Amino acid sequence: MLKKPPAHPISPLYARYLTSEEKKSLRSIPVDEVSSEINLLRVLSARFMNIQQSAPQDIDSHIQTLRTTIILSEQIAKLVRVHNQQHDPLAEIRDEISEALDMLRKEMGIY
C-alpha cells in the first residue's frame, strides 16, 4: 500500500488568504524549506495572472502587469538559485577537493 506523504503546516500568515486548492499545493513542502517560498510565489503568480485576465486592457495596466510579472520572476529565480546552492549534491565533494588542493599547494610551497 502506498503511503501518503505527510502534510506540512502552512504559515498562518498566508493560510487565511489561500484557497483550499492552494493550501493543498503548499502542504506538500516543509515550511522551513526554500522550496516552500518558491511554491508560494508560484501560487501567488498564478493568482495574479488569473486576475489580470479580467483586468483593464489599457497600456498603463499592461506595463504594470509586466513589471509585476518581472519582479515575481526575478524573486522566484533568486530563490531557485538559493535552493540549488543548498541542495547541490556535488558541493561537499567540491569543497573537499578544494581543501585538498589548498593543502597540497601549501605542502609544495605554491600559493
Foldseek 3Di string as FASTA:
>chain_A
DDDDDFFEDDPPVCVVVDDPVLSVQLRNDHPPALVSVLSVLVVVLVVLVVVLVPDDDDPVSVVVSVVVNVVSVVVSVVSVVVNCVVPPPCPVVVVVVVVVVVVVCVVVVHD
